[in-house]
Amino acid sequence: MFEEILIAIVAIVAVIALIMVSGIRKVNQYEKGIIERWNAYEKTVDPGLRFVIPFVQRRQCSSDD
């Protein structure tokens, strides 16, 4: 019984970790990132590592001309 609960907890933690890692995005040095939430503009971000909420937000890049 304890082993089954432990396996379930480990599986849930693994799924949550995969979702969190999938939200990490990189904006290149020569780009500006555009964050959209539900297909509507939310904000513009500078270069670097950024976190977006998976399935809710997405990142689009535009060249910094």
N, C-alpha and C. Protein backbone atom coordinates (compact mmCIF):
# COMPACT_ATOMS: atom_id res chain seq x y z
N MET A 1 0.83 -1.20 0.00
CA MET A 1 0.00 0.00 0.00
C MET A 1 0.87 1.26 0.00
N PHE A 2 1.86 1.30 0.91
CA PHE A 2 2.74 2.47 0.99
C PHE A 2 3.52 2.66 -0.30
N GLU A 3 3.95 1.54 -0.90
CA GLU A 3 4.73 1.63 -2.14
C GLU A 3 3.89 2.20 -3.29
N GLU A 4 2.62 1.85 -3.35
CA GLU A 4 1.75 2.36 -4.41
C GLU A 4 1.53 3.86 -4.26
N ILE A 5 1.36 4.30 -3.02
CA ILE A 5 1.19 5.73 -2.77
C ILE A 5 2.47 6.48 -3.13
N LEU A 6 3.61 5.92 -2.76
CA LEU A 6 4.90 6.54 -3.07
C LEU A 6 5.10 6.65 -4.58
N ILE A 7 4.75 5.60 -5.32
CA ILE A 7 4.88 5.63 -6.78
C ILE A 7 3.97 6.70 -7.38
N ALA A 8 2.76 6.81 -6.87
CA ALA A 8 1.83 7.83 -7.37
C ALA A 8 2.35 9.23 -7.09
N ILE A 9 2.89 9.46 -5.91
CA ILE A 9 3.44 10.78 -5.56
C ILE A 9 4.63 11.12 -6.45
N VAL A 10 5.51 10.16 -6.67
CA VAL A 10 6.67 10.39 -7.54
C VAL A 10 6.22 10.69 -8.97
N ALA A 11 5.21 9.99 -9.45
CA ALA A 11 4.71 10.24 -10.80
C ALA A 11 4.11 11.64 -10.91
N ILE A 12 3.35 12.06 -9.92
CA ILE A 12 2.75 13.40 -9.94
C ILE A 12 3.83 14.47 -9.90
N VAL A 13 4.84 14.29 -9.06
CA VAL A 13 5.94 15.26 -8.98
C VAL A 13 6.70 15.31 -10.31
N ALA A 14 6.89 14.16 -10.95
CA ALA A 14 7.60 14.14 -12.23
C ALA A 14 6.82 14.89 -13.31
N VAL A 15 5.50 14.72 -13.34
CA VAL A 15 4.68 15.42 -14.33
C VAL A 15 4.72 16.92 -14.09
N ILE A 16 4.62 17.33 -12.84
CA ILE A 16 4.68 18.76 -12.51
C ILE A 16 6.04 19.34 -12.90
N ALA A 17 7.12 18.60 -12.65
CA ALA A 17 8.46 19.07 -13.01
C ALA A 17 8.60 19.22 -14.52
N LEU A 18 8.06 18.27 -15.29
CA LEU A 18 8.13 18.37 -16.75
C LEU A 18 7.35 19.58 -17.26
N ILE A 19 6.21 19.86 -16.68
CA ILE A 19 5.43 21.03 -17.09
C ILE A 19 6.19 22.31 -16.77
N MET A 20 6.82 22.37 -15.60
CA MET A 20 7.57 23.57 -15.22
C MET A 20 8.77 23.78 -16.16
N VAL A 21 9.48 22.71 -16.48
CA VAL A 21 10.65 22.83 -17.36
C VAL A 21 10.22 23.23 -18.76
N SER A 22 9.05 22.79 -19.20
CA SER A 22 8.60 23.15 -20.55
C SER A 22 8.24 24.63 -20.66
N GLY A 23 8.13 25.33 -19.54
CA GLY A 23 7.80 26.75 -19.56
C GLY A 23 9.00 27.67 -19.65
N ILE A 24 10.21 27.12 -19.62
CA ILE A 24 11.42 27.95 -19.71
C ILE A 24 11.70 28.26 -21.18
N ARG A 25 11.83 29.52 -21.48
CA ARG A 25 12.09 29.97 -22.85
C ARG A 25 13.29 30.91 -22.86
N LYS A 26 14.02 30.91 -23.97
CA LYS A 26 15.19 31.77 -24.12
C LYS A 26 14.91 32.82 -25.18
N VAL A 27 15.16 34.07 -24.84
CA VAL A 27 15.08 35.16 -25.81
C VAL A 27 16.52 35.52 -26.16
N ASN A 28 16.86 35.42 -27.44
CA ASN A 28 18.23 35.69 -27.86
C ASN A 28 18.60 37.15 -27.66
N GLN A 29 19.90 37.40 -27.64
CA GLN A 29 20.42 38.73 -27.34
C GLN A 29 19.97 39.79 -28.34
N TYR A 30 19.77 39.40 -29.57
CA TYR A 30 19.41 40.35 -30.62
C TYR A 30 17.89 40.43 -30.84
N GLU A 31 17.11 39.85 -29.93
CA GLU A 31 15.66 39.83 -30.10
C GLU A 31 14.95 40.45 -28.90
N LYS A 32 13.71 40.80 -29.11
CA LYS A 32 12.79 41.16 -28.03
C LYS A 32 11.72 40.07 -28.01
N GLY A 33 11.32 39.68 -26.84
CA GLY A 33 10.29 38.65 -26.75
C GLY A 33 8.93 39.28 -26.51
N ILE A 34 7.94 38.75 -27.16
CA ILE A 34 6.56 39.20 -26.97
C ILE A 34 5.82 38.07 -26.28
N ILE A 35 5.27 38.35 -25.12
CA ILE A 35 4.52 37.35 -24.37
C ILE A 35 3.03 37.56 -24.64
N GLU A 36 2.39 36.49 -25.06
CA GLU A 36 0.95 36.53 -25.32
C GLU A 36 0.25 35.61 -24.33
N ARG A 37 -0.87 36.05 -23.82
CA ARG A 37 -1.70 35.21 -22.94
C ARG A 37 -3.04 35.05 -23.62
N TRP A 38 -3.40 33.80 -23.89
CA TRP A 38 -4.64 33.47 -24.60
C TRP A 38 -4.74 34.25 -25.92
N ASN A 39 -3.63 34.31 -26.66
CA ASN A 39 -3.54 34.96 -27.98
C ASN A 39 -3.72 36.47 -27.95
N ALA A 40 -3.54 37.09 -26.82
CA ALA A 40 -3.61 38.55 -26.72
C ALA A 40 -2.28 39.05 -26.15
N TYR A 41 -1.80 40.18 -26.66
CA TYR A 41 -0.54 40.75 -26.19
C TYR A 41 -0.60 41.02 -24.70
N GLU A 42 0.47 40.61 -23.99
CA GLU A 42 0.57 40.90 -22.55
C GLU A 42 1.72 41.83 -22.25
N LYS A 43 2.94 41.50 -22.73
CA LYS A 43 4.09 42.35 -22.45
C LYS A 43 5.24 42.01 -23.39
N THR A 44 6.22 42.90 -23.43
CA THR A 44 7.46 42.70 -24.18
C THR A 44 8.58 42.48 -23.18
N VAL A 45 9.41 41.47 -23.42
CA VAL A 45 10.49 41.14 -22.50
C VAL A 45 11.84 41.30 -23.18
N ASP A 46 12.86 41.56 -22.37
CA ASP A 46 14.22 41.71 -22.85
C ASP A 46 14.89 40.35 -23.00
N PRO A 47 16.08 40.31 -23.62
CA PRO A 47 16.79 39.05 -23.81
C PRO A 47 17.11 38.36 -22.48
N GLY A 48 17.20 37.04 -22.53
CA GLY A 48 17.54 36.24 -21.37
C GLY A 48 16.58 35.07 -21.22
N LEU A 49 16.72 34.34 -20.12
CA LEU A 49 15.81 33.24 -19.85
C LEU A 49 14.52 33.78 -19.26
N ARG A 50 13.42 33.30 -19.76
CA ARG A 50 12.10 33.75 -19.30
C ARG A 50 11.24 32.54 -19.01
N PHE A 51 10.32 32.69 -18.09
CA PHE A 51 9.38 31.62 -17.79
C PHE A 51 8.00 32.03 -18.26
N VAL A 52 7.37 31.16 -19.04
CA VAL A 52 5.99 31.39 -19.46
C VAL A 52 5.14 30.26 -18.87
N ILE A 53 3.91 30.56 -18.59
CA ILE A 53 3.01 29.56 -18.03
C ILE A 53 2.58 28.64 -19.17
N PRO A 54 2.97 27.35 -19.11
CA PRO A 54 2.62 26.44 -20.20
C PRO A 54 1.12 26.36 -20.41
N PHE A 55 0.70 26.26 -21.66
CA PHE A 55 -0.68 26.12 -22.10
C PHE A 55 -1.50 27.41 -21.93
N VAL A 56 -0.96 28.43 -21.28
CA VAL A 56 -1.68 29.69 -21.08
C VAL A 56 -0.98 30.80 -21.85
N GLN A 57 0.33 30.89 -21.70
CA GLN A 57 1.11 31.93 -22.36
C GLN A 57 1.98 31.32 -23.45
N ARG A 58 2.38 32.15 -24.39
CA ARG A 58 3.37 31.74 -25.36
C ARG A 58 4.26 32.93 -25.68
N ARG A 59 5.47 32.60 -26.18
CA ARG A 59 6.44 33.63 -26.48
C ARG A 59 6.64 33.69 -27.99
N GLN A 60 6.59 34.91 -28.50
CA GLN A 60 6.91 35.18 -29.90
C GLN A 60 8.15 36.07 -29.89
N CYS A 61 9.03 35.89 -30.84
CA CYS A 61 10.22 36.73 -30.92
C CYS A 61 10.12 37.68 -32.10
N SER A 62 10.63 38.86 -31.88
CA SER A 62 10.75 39.81 -32.99
C SER A 62 12.18 40.31 -33.01
N SER A 63 12.68 40.54 -34.17
CA SER A 63 14.05 41.01 -34.30
C SER A 63 14.14 42.46 -33.84
N ASP A 64 15.25 42.80 -33.20
CA ASP A 64 15.44 44.13 -32.63
C ASP A 64 16.15 45.01 -33.65
N ASP A 65 15.41 45.51 -34.62
CA ASP A 65 16.00 46.33 -35.70
C ASP A 65 16.09 47.78 -35.33
